N, C-alpha and C. Protein backbone atom coordinates (compact mmCIF):
# COMPACT_ATOMS: atom_id res chain seq x y z
N MET A 1 0.88 -1.11 -0.52
CA MET A 1 0.40 -0.14 0.14
C MET A 1 0.85 0.91 -0.13
N GLN A 2 1.98 1.19 1.24
CA GLN A 2 2.66 2.28 1.02
C GLN A 2 3.27 3.03 -0.66
N ARG A 3 3.77 1.71 -1.31
CA ARG A 3 4.46 2.27 -2.70
C ARG A 3 3.46 2.60 -3.54
N LEU A 4 2.00 2.41 -3.38
CA LEU A 4 1.02 2.56 -4.35
C LEU A 4 0.42 4.31 -3.73
N VAL A 5 1.07 4.22 -2.32
CA VAL A 5 0.58 6.05 -2.04
C VAL A 5 1.67 6.94 -2.72
N ARG A 6 2.55 6.00 -2.85
CA ARG A 6 3.85 7.14 -2.67
C ARG A 6 3.81 7.38 -4.38
N VAL A 7 3.62 6.12 -5.36
CA VAL A 7 2.99 6.69 -6.80
C VAL A 7 2.20 7.88 -6.63
N PHE A 8 1.04 7.81 -6.10
CA PHE A 8 0.38 8.68 -6.44
C PHE A 8 0.86 10.23 -5.81
N GLU A 9 1.58 10.22 -4.79
CA GLU A 9 2.43 11.42 -4.37
C GLU A 9 3.02 12.22 -5.36
N ASP A 10 4.06 10.68 -6.03
CA ASP A 10 4.52 11.49 -6.97
C ASP A 10 4.36 11.90 -8.42
N PHE A 11 2.73 10.86 -9.08
CA PHE A 11 2.49 11.78 -9.75
C PHE A 11 1.67 13.28 -9.63
N LEU A 12 1.08 13.26 -8.17
CA LEU A 12 -0.21 14.35 -7.98
C LEU A 12 0.69 15.39 -8.01
N TYR A 13 2.02 15.42 -7.41
CA TYR A 13 2.85 16.38 -7.00
C TYR A 13 4.61 16.74 -7.80
N GLY A 14 4.09 15.96 -8.58
CA GLY A 14 5.43 16.17 -9.84
C GLY A 14 6.71 15.83 -8.87
N PHE A 15 7.04 15.10 -8.67
CA PHE A 15 8.29 14.51 -7.77
C PHE A 15 8.86 13.72 -8.55
N ASP A 16 7.80 13.00 -9.69
CA ASP A 16 8.65 11.76 -10.59
C ASP A 16 7.95 11.64 -11.26
N SER A 17 8.17 12.55 -12.83
CA SER A 17 7.00 12.80 -13.86
C SER A 17 7.46 11.35 -14.75
N GLY A 18 8.26 10.59 -14.32
CA GLY A 18 8.15 9.37 -14.98
C GLY A 18 7.67 8.08 -14.47
N VAL A 19 6.94 8.64 -13.33
CA VAL A 19 6.40 7.41 -12.74
C VAL A 19 4.65 6.67 -13.40
N ASP A 20 4.61 5.35 -13.95
CA ASP A 20 3.61 4.92 -14.81
C ASP A 20 2.31 4.25 -13.65
N VAL A 21 1.71 5.51 -13.65
CA VAL A 21 -0.10 5.18 -12.23
C VAL A 21 -0.30 3.41 -12.52
N PRO A 22 -0.45 3.78 -13.92
CA PRO A 22 -1.46 2.72 -14.76
C PRO A 22 -0.64 1.41 -14.28
N MET A 23 0.53 1.16 -14.37
CA MET A 23 1.63 -0.14 -14.29
C MET A 23 1.08 -0.58 -12.77
N GLU A 24 1.34 0.93 -12.27
CA GLU A 24 1.64 0.80 -10.31
C GLU A 24 0.12 0.55 -10.23
N ALA A 25 -1.15 0.55 -10.36
CA ALA A 25 -2.20 0.35 -10.09
C ALA A 25 -2.65 -1.05 -10.43
N ALA A 26 -2.15 -1.70 -11.43
CA ALA A 26 -1.86 -3.06 -12.09
C ALA A 26 -1.19 -3.80 -10.65
N HIS A 27 -0.32 -3.58 -10.59
CA HIS A 27 0.56 -4.27 -9.89
C HIS A 27 0.39 -4.23 -8.77
N ALA A 28 -0.63 -3.26 -8.26
CA ALA A 28 -1.53 -3.04 -6.98
C ALA A 28 -2.76 -4.08 -6.83
N LEU A 29 -3.16 -4.00 -7.63
CA LEU A 29 -4.18 -5.39 -8.40
C LEU A 29 -3.75 -7.07 -7.93
N VAL A 30 -2.54 -6.76 -8.47
CA VAL A 30 -1.89 -8.27 -8.30
C VAL A 30 -0.95 -8.58 -7.39
N ARG A 31 -1.04 -7.64 -5.74
CA ARG A 31 -0.85 -8.19 -4.91
C ARG A 31 -1.99 -8.12 -3.88
N GLY A 32 -3.17 -7.97 -4.45
CA GLY A 32 -4.19 -8.26 -3.58
C GLY A 32 -4.80 -6.80 -3.31
N LEU A 33 -4.48 -5.04 -3.64
CA LEU A 33 -5.57 -4.49 -3.29
C LEU A 33 -6.53 -4.35 -4.47
N ASP A 34 -8.34 -3.74 -4.29
CA ASP A 34 -8.96 -4.52 -4.92
C ASP A 34 -9.67 -2.58 -5.11
N SER A 35 -10.11 -1.80 -5.67
CA SER A 35 -11.20 -1.08 -5.80
C SER A 35 -11.92 -0.94 -7.24
N PRO A 36 -12.62 -0.21 -7.04
CA PRO A 36 -12.99 0.00 -8.71
C PRO A 36 -12.49 1.08 -9.39
N ALA A 37 -12.20 1.77 -8.66
CA ALA A 37 -10.88 2.99 -9.12
C ALA A 37 -9.48 2.55 -9.76
N LEU A 38 -9.57 1.93 -8.55
CA LEU A 38 -7.94 1.10 -8.78
C LEU A 38 -7.97 0.55 -10.26
N ILE A 39 -9.24 -0.35 -10.54
CA ILE A 39 -9.31 -0.92 -11.39
C ILE A 39 -9.29 0.16 -12.97
N ASP A 40 -9.30 1.10 -12.71
CA ASP A 40 -10.37 1.93 -13.95
C ASP A 40 -8.65 2.47 -14.17
N LEU A 41 -7.76 2.80 -12.94
CA LEU A 41 -6.65 3.32 -13.24
C LEU A 41 -5.57 2.38 -13.88
N ALA A 42 -5.54 1.39 -13.49
CA ALA A 42 -4.79 0.06 -14.49
C ALA A 42 -5.23 -0.16 -15.64
N GLY A 43 -6.88 0.24 -15.92
CA GLY A 43 -6.69 0.33 -17.54
C GLY A 43 -6.37 1.65 -18.37
N LEU A 44 -6.21 1.99 -17.94
CA LEU A 44 -5.28 3.69 -18.64
C LEU A 44 -4.78 3.29 -19.05
N ASN A 45 -3.94 4.34 -20.06
CA ASN A 45 -2.60 4.74 -21.22
C ASN A 45 -1.97 5.65 -19.75
N ARG A 46 -0.52 5.09 -20.27
CA ARG A 46 -0.05 6.20 -18.62
C ARG A 46 -0.38 7.56 -19.41
N ASP A 47 0.07 8.05 -20.59
CA ASP A 47 -0.50 9.21 -20.98
C ASP A 47 -1.86 10.11 -20.88
N ASP A 48 -3.00 9.05 -20.55
CA ASP A 48 -4.14 9.65 -19.67
C ASP A 48 -3.81 10.71 -18.87
N ARG A 49 -3.38 11.57 -18.62
CA ARG A 49 -2.72 12.42 -17.02
C ARG A 49 -3.94 12.77 -16.50
N LEU A 50 -4.70 13.30 -16.99
CA LEU A 50 -6.17 14.12 -16.81
C LEU A 50 -6.99 13.18 -16.17
N GLU A 51 -7.45 11.70 -16.69
CA GLU A 51 -8.16 10.38 -16.19
C GLU A 51 -7.49 9.92 -14.75
N ILE A 52 -6.10 10.25 -15.06
CA ILE A 52 -5.39 9.38 -13.73
C ILE A 52 -5.39 10.54 -12.70
N ARG A 53 -5.26 11.88 -13.00
CA ARG A 53 -5.56 12.79 -11.95
C ARG A 53 -6.61 12.62 -11.31
N ASP A 54 -7.84 12.55 -12.18
CA ASP A 54 -8.64 12.57 -11.35
C ASP A 54 -9.52 11.28 -11.01
N LEU A 55 -8.60 9.96 -10.91
CA LEU A 55 -8.93 8.82 -10.57
C LEU A 55 -8.30 8.84 -8.92
N ILE A 56 -6.71 9.02 -8.78
CA ILE A 56 -6.20 8.68 -7.68
C ILE A 56 -7.12 9.23 -6.48
N PRO A 57 -7.36 10.48 -6.38
CA PRO A 57 -8.32 10.52 -5.17
C PRO A 57 -9.36 9.84 -4.84
N THR A 58 -10.28 9.52 -5.34
CA THR A 58 -11.16 8.47 -5.68
C THR A 58 -10.96 6.83 -5.54
N ALA A 59 -9.38 6.49 -5.93
CA ALA A 59 -8.77 5.37 -5.43
C ALA A 59 -8.41 4.91 -4.36
N ALA A 60 -7.52 6.08 -3.73
CA ALA A 60 -6.98 6.72 -2.39
C ALA A 60 -8.34 6.64 -1.54
N GLU A 61 -9.36 7.19 -1.81
CA GLU A 61 -10.34 7.27 -0.78
C GLU A 61 -11.05 5.92 -0.90
N GLU A 62 -11.22 4.96 -1.87
CA GLU A 62 -11.86 3.59 -1.80
C GLU A 62 -10.72 2.69 -0.85
N LEU A 63 -9.76 2.90 -0.91
CA LEU A 63 -8.48 1.94 -0.29
C LEU A 63 -8.54 2.18 1.18
N GLY A 64 -8.71 3.17 1.57
CA GLY A 64 -8.89 4.10 2.88
C GLY A 64 -7.42 4.40 2.99
N VAL A 65 -6.84 5.33 1.98
CA VAL A 65 -5.91 5.54 2.11
C VAL A 65 -5.73 7.48 2.39
N ALA A 66 -4.88 8.37 2.92
CA ALA A 66 -5.06 9.54 2.66
C ALA A 66 -3.56 10.04 1.83
N ILE A 67 -3.48 10.50 0.92
CA ILE A 67 -2.98 11.66 0.23
C ILE A 67 -2.12 13.12 0.96
N GLU A 68 -1.40 12.87 1.31
CA GLU A 68 -0.75 13.80 2.73
C GLU A 68 -0.72 15.17 1.45
N PRO A 69 -1.07 16.45 2.28
CA PRO A 69 -1.01 17.60 1.25
C PRO A 69 0.51 18.03 1.26
N LEU A 70 1.17 19.10 -0.03
CA LEU A 70 2.40 18.90 -0.72
C LEU A 70 3.38 18.61 0.87
N LYS A 71 3.24 20.10 1.25
CA LYS A 71 3.59 20.26 2.11
C LYS A 71 4.54 19.37 2.61
N ALA A 72 3.50 18.10 3.89
CA ALA A 72 3.57 17.72 4.54
C ALA A 72 4.85 16.04 3.35
N VAL A 73 4.86 16.25 2.30
CA VAL A 73 5.29 15.26 1.32
C VAL A 73 5.90 15.75 1.51
N PHE A 74 6.85 16.62 1.00
CA PHE A 74 8.04 17.56 0.76
C PHE A 74 9.23 17.33 1.78
N GLU A 75 8.34 18.14 3.02
CA GLU A 75 9.27 17.52 4.48
C GLU A 75 9.85 16.16 4.32
N ARG A 76 8.89 15.30 4.21
CA ARG A 76 9.43 13.95 4.32
C ARG A 76 10.40 13.36 3.29
N ARG A 77 9.94 14.35 1.85
CA ARG A 77 10.85 13.51 1.00
C ARG A 77 12.33 13.94 1.44
N VAL A 78 11.97 15.68 1.94
CA VAL A 78 13.88 16.07 2.45
C VAL A 78 14.48 14.85 3.17
N ARG A 79 13.69 14.96 3.98
CA ARG A 79 14.01 14.27 5.63
C ARG A 79 14.90 12.20 5.15
N GLU A 80 13.78 12.25 4.00
CA GLU A 80 14.34 11.13 3.49
C GLU A 80 15.52 10.82 2.90
N ILE A 81 16.14 11.54 2.45
CA ILE A 81 17.12 11.85 1.43
C ILE A 81 18.09 12.38 2.18
N ALA A 82 18.06 13.07 3.47
CA ALA A 82 18.75 13.16 4.42
C ALA A 82 19.25 12.78 5.19
N ALA A 83 18.41 11.60 5.60
CA ALA A 83 18.56 10.25 6.15
C ALA A 83 19.46 9.55 5.65
N ALA A 84 18.98 9.51 4.17
CA ALA A 84 20.41 8.20 3.63
C ALA A 84 21.45 8.48 3.37
N TYR A 85 21.55 9.68 3.74
CA TYR A 85 22.62 10.26 3.55
C TYR A 85 23.70 10.15 4.79
N LEU A 86 23.21 10.54 5.69
CA LEU A 86 23.48 9.79 6.71
C LEU A 86 23.59 8.49 7.01
N ALA A 87 22.73 7.82 6.77
CA ALA A 87 22.73 6.17 6.46
C ALA A 87 23.93 5.80 5.72
N GLY A 88 24.80 6.58 4.92
CA GLY A 88 25.42 6.26 3.76
C GLY A 88 25.07 5.64 3.20
N GLU A 89 23.62 5.30 2.53
CA GLU A 89 23.08 5.22 1.24
C GLU A 89 23.24 5.99 0.12
N ARG A 90 23.75 7.48 0.06
CA ARG A 90 23.55 8.59 -0.81
C ARG A 90 24.91 9.40 -0.38
N GLU A 91 25.76 9.62 -1.84
CA GLU A 91 26.72 10.28 -1.63
C GLU A 91 25.99 11.98 -1.54
N PHE A 92 27.52 12.36 -0.86
CA PHE A 92 27.14 13.68 -0.59
C PHE A 92 26.85 14.55 -1.44
N ILE A 93 27.27 14.53 -2.56
CA ILE A 93 26.90 15.55 -3.76
C ILE A 93 25.32 15.62 -4.33
N ASP A 94 25.24 13.55 -4.24
CA ASP A 94 23.78 13.60 -4.70
C ASP A 94 22.76 14.13 -3.92
N ALA A 95 22.89 13.90 -2.87
CA ALA A 95 21.61 14.13 -1.81
C ALA A 95 21.83 15.73 -1.57
N LEU A 96 22.81 16.27 -1.50
CA LEU A 96 23.18 17.80 -2.00
C LEU A 96 21.77 18.44 -2.99
N THR A 97 22.02 17.43 -4.44
CA THR A 97 21.86 18.35 -5.76
C THR A 97 19.92 17.76 -5.26
N GLY A 98 19.80 16.51 -4.27
CA GLY A 98 18.50 16.26 -4.27
C GLY A 98 17.83 17.26 -3.58
N ILE A 99 18.15 17.62 -2.97
CA ILE A 99 17.63 18.29 -1.87
C ILE A 99 17.39 19.40 -2.31
N LEU A 100 18.23 20.23 -2.88
CA LEU A 100 18.37 21.70 -3.05
C LEU A 100 17.29 21.63 -4.71
N ALA A 101 17.56 20.53 -5.34
CA ALA A 101 16.22 20.68 -6.46
C ALA A 101 14.83 20.85 -6.08
N LEU A 102 14.73 20.14 -4.60
CA LEU A 102 13.53 19.85 -4.32
C LEU A 102 13.17 21.71 -3.74
N PHE A 103 14.33 22.00 -2.75
CA PHE A 103 13.59 23.52 -2.16
C PHE A 103 13.38 24.02 -3.60
N TRP A 104 14.26 24.38 -4.79
CA TRP A 104 13.98 25.32 -5.72
C TRP A 104 12.84 24.89 -6.23
N ARG A 105 12.51 23.64 -6.58
CA ARG A 105 11.14 23.24 -7.43
C ARG A 105 9.98 23.86 -6.84
N TYR A 106 9.66 23.93 -5.13
CA TYR A 106 8.33 24.41 -4.71
C TYR A 106 8.82 25.51 -3.37
N GLN A 107 9.69 26.06 -4.10
CA GLN A 107 9.84 27.85 -3.09
C GLN A 107 8.92 28.71 -3.36
N ASP A 108 8.44 28.22 -4.53
CA ASP A 108 6.42 29.30 -4.53
C ASP A 108 5.68 28.57 -3.66
N GLU A 109 5.31 27.83 -3.43
CA GLU A 109 4.58 26.93 -2.92
C GLU A 109 5.08 27.08 -1.28
N ASP A 110 5.93 28.34 -0.79
CA ASP A 110 6.06 28.88 0.47
C ASP A 110 6.32 27.38 1.60
N ILE A 111 7.36 26.83 0.72
CA ILE A 111 7.83 25.58 1.53
C ILE A 111 9.09 25.32 1.06
N GLY A 112 9.91 26.11 0.72
CA GLY A 112 10.94 25.76 0.08
C GLY A 112 12.36 26.67 1.18
N TYR A 113 11.84 26.91 2.03
CA TYR A 113 12.92 27.89 3.04
C TYR A 113 13.69 27.23 4.10
N TYR A 114 14.65 26.70 4.02
CA TYR A 114 14.92 26.10 5.49
C TYR A 114 16.28 26.24 6.04
N CYS A 115 15.91 26.97 7.32
CA CYS A 115 17.17 27.05 8.55
C CYS A 115 18.07 28.19 7.68
N GLY A 116 17.38 29.17 7.30
CA GLY A 116 18.26 30.17 6.76
C GLY A 116 18.27 30.31 5.34
N ASN A 117 19.67 30.76 5.23
CA ASN A 117 20.48 30.22 3.79
C ASN A 117 21.43 29.27 3.53
N ALA A 118 21.13 28.39 4.50
CA ALA A 118 22.58 27.35 4.56
C ALA A 118 22.67 26.65 3.26
N MET A 119 21.58 26.27 3.27
CA MET A 119 21.61 25.10 2.01
C MET A 119 21.70 26.19 0.56
N LEU A 120 21.39 27.36 0.79
CA LEU A 120 21.72 28.29 -0.52
C LEU A 120 23.38 28.58 -0.15
N ASP A 121 23.46 28.73 0.82
CA ASP A 121 25.13 28.71 0.80
C ASP A 121 26.21 27.39 0.40
N LEU A 122 25.00 26.26 0.59
CA LEU A 122 26.09 25.40 -0.02
C LEU A 122 25.84 25.36 -1.54
N GLU A 123 24.93 25.52 -2.30
CA GLU A 123 24.53 25.37 -3.59
C GLU A 123 25.35 26.62 -4.01
N LEU A 124 25.71 27.82 -3.41
CA LEU A 124 26.74 29.10 -4.45
C LEU A 124 27.95 28.06 -4.25
N TRP A 125 28.20 27.45 -3.02
CA TRP A 125 29.42 26.28 -3.70
C TRP A 125 29.40 25.24 -4.32
N LEU A 126 28.67 24.88 -4.34
CA LEU A 126 28.49 23.95 -5.38
C LEU A 126 28.56 24.18 -6.72
N ASP A 127 27.95 25.12 -7.17
CA ASP A 127 28.09 26.34 -8.52
C ASP A 127 29.36 26.77 -8.81
N VAL A 128 30.10 26.99 -7.81
CA VAL A 128 31.38 27.75 -8.28
C VAL A 128 32.27 26.92 -7.93
N ARG A 129 32.40 25.81 -7.87
CA ARG A 129 32.91 24.51 -7.88
C ARG A 129 33.58 23.76 -9.27
N GLU A 130 32.48 24.07 -10.07
CA GLU A 130 32.47 24.09 -11.16
C GLU A 130 33.31 24.52 -12.11
N PHE A 131 34.01 25.80 -11.80
CA PHE A 131 34.36 26.76 -12.67
C PHE A 131 35.74 27.00 -11.96
N ASP A 132 35.84 26.96 -10.46
CA ASP A 132 36.61 27.64 -9.51
C ASP A 132 37.30 26.59 -8.66
N HIS A 133 38.40 26.18 -8.62
CA HIS A 133 38.69 24.97 -7.96
C HIS A 133 39.47 25.06 -6.75
N ASN A 134 39.54 27.04 -6.40
CA ASN A 134 39.45 27.90 -5.63
C ASN A 134 38.67 27.72 -4.66
N VAL A 135 38.52 26.91 -4.50
CA VAL A 135 36.96 27.27 -3.42
C VAL A 135 37.14 26.39 -1.81
N ASP A 136 36.20 27.00 -1.24
CA ASP A 136 37.05 25.78 -0.07
C ASP A 136 36.25 24.43 -0.56
N SER A 137 37.13 23.56 0.73
CA SER A 137 36.92 22.28 0.32
C SER A 137 35.74 21.93 0.48
N GLU A 138 35.93 20.30 -0.47
CA GLU A 138 34.68 19.73 -0.17
C GLU A 138 34.15 19.10 1.35
N ALA A 139 35.40 18.82 1.25
CA ALA A 139 35.06 17.97 3.35
C ALA A 139 34.88 19.34 3.86
N ALA A 140 34.92 20.78 3.91
CA ALA A 140 34.11 21.70 4.57
C ALA A 140 32.49 21.41 4.28
N ALA A 141 32.76 21.91 3.07
CA ALA A 141 31.06 22.10 2.33
C ALA A 141 30.37 20.80 3.14
N GLU A 142 30.87 19.34 3.05
CA GLU A 142 30.09 17.69 3.26
C GLU A 142 29.74 18.02 4.90
N ARG A 143 31.38 18.69 5.85
CA ARG A 143 30.75 18.82 7.26
C ARG A 143 29.73 19.90 7.13
N ASP A 144 29.59 20.77 6.67
CA ASP A 144 28.47 22.00 6.61
C ASP A 144 27.01 20.75 6.36
N PHE A 145 27.32 20.11 5.39
CA PHE A 145 26.32 19.72 4.95
C PHE A 145 25.17 18.29 5.61
N ARG A 146 26.72 17.64 6.70
CA ARG A 146 26.04 16.60 7.18
C ARG A 146 25.51 17.21 8.77
N ALA A 147 25.83 18.73 9.11
CA ALA A 147 25.36 19.79 10.19
C ALA A 147 23.89 19.60 9.73
N ARG A 148 23.89 20.11 8.61
CA ARG A 148 22.12 20.64 7.96
C ARG A 148 21.15 19.23 8.07
N ALA A 149 21.81 18.12 7.22
CA ALA A 149 21.51 16.90 7.06
C ALA A 149 20.80 16.05 8.65
N VAL A 150 21.96 16.74 9.92
CA VAL A 150 20.90 16.02 10.95
C VAL A 150 19.66 16.73 11.49
N THR A 151 19.91 18.00 11.03
CA THR A 151 19.33 18.89 11.84
C THR A 151 17.58 18.68 10.69
N MET A 152 17.69 18.08 9.79
CA MET A 152 16.62 17.85 8.67
C MET A 152 16.01 16.91 9.14
N VAL A 153 16.74 15.66 10.15
CA VAL A 153 16.35 14.20 10.21
C VAL A 153 15.71 14.33 12.12
N GLU A 154 16.26 15.68 12.96
CA GLU A 154 16.14 15.29 13.94
C GLU A 154 15.37 16.33 14.44
N GLY A 155 15.53 17.50 13.75
CA GLY A 155 14.42 18.60 13.74
C GLY A 155 15.21 20.00 14.41
N CYS A 156 14.90 20.71 14.05
CA CYS A 156 15.19 21.98 14.44
C CYS A 156 14.08 23.46 15.22
N GLY A 157 14.42 23.99 16.57
CA GLY A 157 13.84 24.83 16.85
C GLY A 157 13.10 25.74 15.99
N SER A 158 14.46 26.65 15.49
CA SER A 158 13.82 27.69 14.47
C SER A 158 13.65 27.53 13.22
N CYS A 159 13.58 26.56 12.92
CA CYS A 159 13.46 26.31 11.05
C CYS A 159 11.67 26.96 10.95
N LYS A 160 11.08 26.99 9.74
CA LYS A 160 10.36 27.09 9.57
C LYS A 160 9.27 25.91 9.30
N LEU A 161 10.14 24.99 8.96
CA LEU A 161 9.13 23.65 8.71
C LEU A 161 8.89 23.05 10.09
N ALA A 162 7.76 23.14 10.12
CA ALA A 162 6.37 22.45 11.30
C ALA A 162 7.51 21.17 11.78
N TRP A 163 7.89 20.44 11.43
CA TRP A 163 8.00 19.09 11.74
C TRP A 163 9.83 19.71 12.46
N HIS A 164 10.53 20.49 11.97
CA HIS A 164 11.97 20.85 12.95
C HIS A 164 11.07 21.55 14.56
N ARG A 165 10.57 22.11 14.69
CA ARG A 165 9.98 23.19 15.27
C ARG A 165 9.51 21.62 16.39
N GLN A 166 8.42 20.59 15.72
CA GLN A 166 8.19 19.84 17.07
C GLN A 166 9.04 19.01 17.42
N THR A 167 10.06 18.48 16.57
CA THR A 167 10.88 17.69 17.20
C THR A 167 12.34 17.61 17.44
N SER A 168 12.28 18.99 17.64
CA SER A 168 13.43 19.44 18.42
C SER A 168 13.74 19.52 19.35
N THR A 169 15.20 19.11 19.90
CA THR A 169 15.57 18.48 21.03
C THR A 169 16.69 19.92 21.55
N ARG A 170 16.77 20.66 21.37
CA ARG A 170 17.48 22.26 22.08
C ARG A 170 16.86 23.17 20.63
N ALA A 171 16.47 23.92 21.82
CA ALA A 171 16.12 25.31 21.13
C ALA A 171 16.93 25.81 20.61
N GLY A 172 16.86 26.47 19.33
CA GLY A 172 17.79 27.44 18.92
C GLY A 172 18.84 26.49 17.61
N GLU A 173 18.86 25.43 18.01
CA GLU A 173 19.62 24.45 17.26
C GLU A 173 19.17 24.52 15.59
N HIS A 174 20.39 25.01 14.65
CA HIS A 174 20.25 24.56 13.77
C HIS A 174 21.44 24.71 12.96
């Protein structure tokens, strides 16, 4: 069920433009999930984007799952990238660019701001290093990113993201 909900989120919020919702719906049916809207989704072509968009909320409701608002999904995805980096499952540059891409993609939704301009400083470092090898070391940038990744996962009392304020263990940490 989690996989199907993630596919729904990917499609609805544009996290993965290549997601094949009808194929995933068919796989969900094979795994034993069942609803009329899910059957309808499985019968569509992946290019039937409007029909897919219309059917997803109905399928989710019939299956008894909720599609979280964009802000909650965004925050969870950022935490997932940071946690994967901290667990050694993602490389530094890959994690940094993944998080920055999400922030820039959704900045107009008023959810892309994180603990001041720290991530933007790292983006500047990332951009400049391609043209000038006399910038701060990658090790220094990675140390800064690691500190930011920890606050993304554990929380930050002064951050504008609600889940940071809720999970902060030390007031003002960021």
